[in-house]
Amino acid sequence: MKKRGDISVVAIGDQRMRTLNRNYRGKDRVTDVLSFCEAESEIPETGFLGELFINCNTIRKQAKLFAPSYRYELAFITIHGTLHLLGYEDESEEGRVLMERLGMAIIKTVRL
């Protein structure tokens, strides 16, 4: 598991996110964030963790339901995606709980 490196963050909308999610995960729906690890890259790069694609439209909708603000939800989802790049998973219940706990601990350290 990598512990540090650069991350590329790309802000996209619903249509592009749906296309990426369908093409890379086989899920024909919109999601909030997709993480692509450097290890999955065709051209590995030293010091690079990977890319985050963040759907700003979905973040805005989720913020109204789950978060105190858009900035908070954006920060939380960015942290969540970064945890994926660091090797954490949320496909299992154990992994999901761990990622949620880590995300909440980290976001408490961020000034919003």
Protein backbone atom coordinates (compact mmCIF):
# COMPACT_ATOMS: atom_id res chain seq x y z
CA MET A 1 0.00 0.00 0.00
CA LYS A 2 1.41 3.39 -1.02
CA LYS A 3 1.54 6.10 1.59
CA ARG A 4 2.13 9.22 -0.47
CA GLY A 5 2.20 10.62 -3.97
CA ASP A 6 0.57 13.06 -6.34
CA ILE A 7 -3.08 12.89 -7.30
CA SER A 8 -4.83 14.26 -10.35
CA VAL A 9 -8.37 15.51 -9.63
CA VAL A 10 -10.86 16.05 -12.43
CA ALA A 11 -14.27 17.67 -11.89
CA ILE A 12 -16.94 16.27 -14.22
CA GLY A 13 -20.71 16.16 -14.62
CA ASP A 14 -23.34 13.44 -14.68
CA GLN A 15 -23.02 12.34 -18.31
CA ARG A 16 -19.24 11.91 -18.27
CA MET A 17 -19.40 10.14 -14.91
CA ARG A 18 -22.05 7.72 -16.16
CA THR A 19 -19.92 6.93 -19.21
CA LEU A 20 -16.79 6.33 -17.12
CA ASN A 21 -18.67 4.23 -14.58
CA ARG A 22 -20.21 2.12 -17.35
CA ASN A 23 -16.96 1.68 -19.28
CA TYR A 24 -14.66 0.94 -16.34
CA ARG A 25 -16.92 -0.62 -13.70
CA GLY A 26 -19.76 -2.03 -15.79
CA LYS A 27 -22.30 0.07 -13.85
CA ASP A 28 -24.57 2.15 -16.05
CA ARG A 29 -25.34 4.84 -13.50
CA VAL A 30 -24.02 8.09 -12.10
CA THR A 31 -21.80 8.03 -9.03
CA ASP A 32 -20.01 10.64 -6.92
CA VAL A 33 -16.34 9.65 -7.36
CA LEU A 34 -14.23 7.23 -9.36
CA SER A 35 -10.65 6.45 -8.40
CA PHE A 36 -8.09 5.11 -10.84
CA CYS A 37 -4.92 3.89 -9.14
CA GLU A 38 -1.52 4.43 -10.72
CA ALA A 39 -1.07 0.66 -10.57
CA GLU A 40 -3.94 0.34 -13.09
CA SER A 41 -2.24 2.77 -15.48
CA GLU A 42 -0.79 1.68 -18.80
CA ILE A 43 2.26 3.83 -18.06
CA PRO A 44 3.22 3.57 -14.37
CA GLU A 45 4.67 6.76 -12.92
CA THR A 46 6.79 6.97 -9.79
CA GLY A 47 5.35 9.25 -7.13
CA PHE A 48 1.85 9.26 -8.65
CA LEU A 49 -1.05 7.68 -6.74
CA GLY A 50 -3.67 8.05 -9.43
CA GLU A 51 -6.67 10.04 -10.60
CA LEU A 52 -9.94 11.05 -9.00
CA PHE A 53 -12.95 11.92 -11.12
CA ILE A 54 -15.43 13.83 -8.99
CA ASN A 55 -19.01 14.45 -10.08
CA CYS A 56 -19.84 17.93 -8.84
CA ASN A 57 -23.55 17.56 -9.67
CA THR A 58 -23.89 14.48 -7.49
CA ILE A 59 -21.84 16.10 -4.72
CA ARG A 60 -24.25 19.05 -4.73
CA LYS A 61 -27.27 16.72 -4.44
CA GLN A 62 -25.65 14.60 -1.71
CA ALA A 63 -24.68 17.68 0.28
CA LYS A 64 -28.35 18.62 0.61
CA LEU A 65 -29.13 15.14 1.98
CA PHE A 66 -26.07 14.13 4.02
CA ALA A 67 -23.76 17.06 4.76
CA PRO A 68 -23.79 20.49 6.34
CA SER A 69 -22.50 22.09 3.12
CA TYR A 70 -21.31 21.49 -0.43
CA ARG A 71 -17.70 22.14 0.64
CA TYR A 72 -17.97 19.53 3.39
CA GLU A 73 -19.38 16.88 1.03
CA LEU A 74 -16.78 17.70 -1.61
CA ALA A 75 -14.00 17.33 0.97
CA PHE A 76 -15.44 14.08 2.31
CA ILE A 77 -15.76 12.52 -1.15
CA THR A 78 -12.26 13.68 -2.10
CA ILE A 79 -10.93 12.02 1.06
CA HIS A 80 -12.91 8.88 0.25
CA GLY A 81 -11.48 8.70 -3.27
CA THR A 82 -7.98 9.30 -1.96
CA LEU A 83 -8.37 6.43 0.50
CA HIS A 84 -9.16 4.21 -2.49
CA LEU A 85 -5.96 5.38 -4.17
CA LEU A 86 -4.08 4.46 -1.00
CA GLY A 87 -5.41 0.91 -1.23
CA TYR A 88 -8.54 0.91 0.92
CA GLU A 89 -11.71 -0.79 -0.33
CA ASP A 90 -15.39 -0.47 0.50
CA GLU A 91 -16.81 -3.52 -1.28
CA SER A 92 -16.95 -5.49 1.99
CA GLU A 93 -18.86 -4.33 5.06
CA GLU A 94 -15.62 -4.30 7.06
CA GLY A 95 -13.89 -2.20 4.42
CA ARG A 96 -16.83 0.20 4.14
CA VAL A 97 -16.93 0.77 7.90
CA LEU A 98 -13.16 1.30 8.05
CA MET A 99 -13.24 3.80 5.17
CA GLU A 100 -16.14 5.69 6.72
CA ARG A 101 -14.35 5.91 10.09
CA LEU A 102 -11.10 7.05 8.47
CA GLY A 103 -12.95 9.59 6.34
CA MET A 104 -14.72 11.04 9.36
CA ALA A 105 -11.48 11.21 11.35
CA ILE A 106 -9.64 12.94 8.52
CA ILE A 107 -12.38 15.45 7.73
CA LYS A 108 -12.35 16.61 11.36
CA THR A 109 -8.81 17.87 10.72
CA VAL A 110 -9.82 19.92 7.67
CA ARG A 111 -10.84 23.55 8.00
CA LEU A 112 -14.06 24.09 6.10
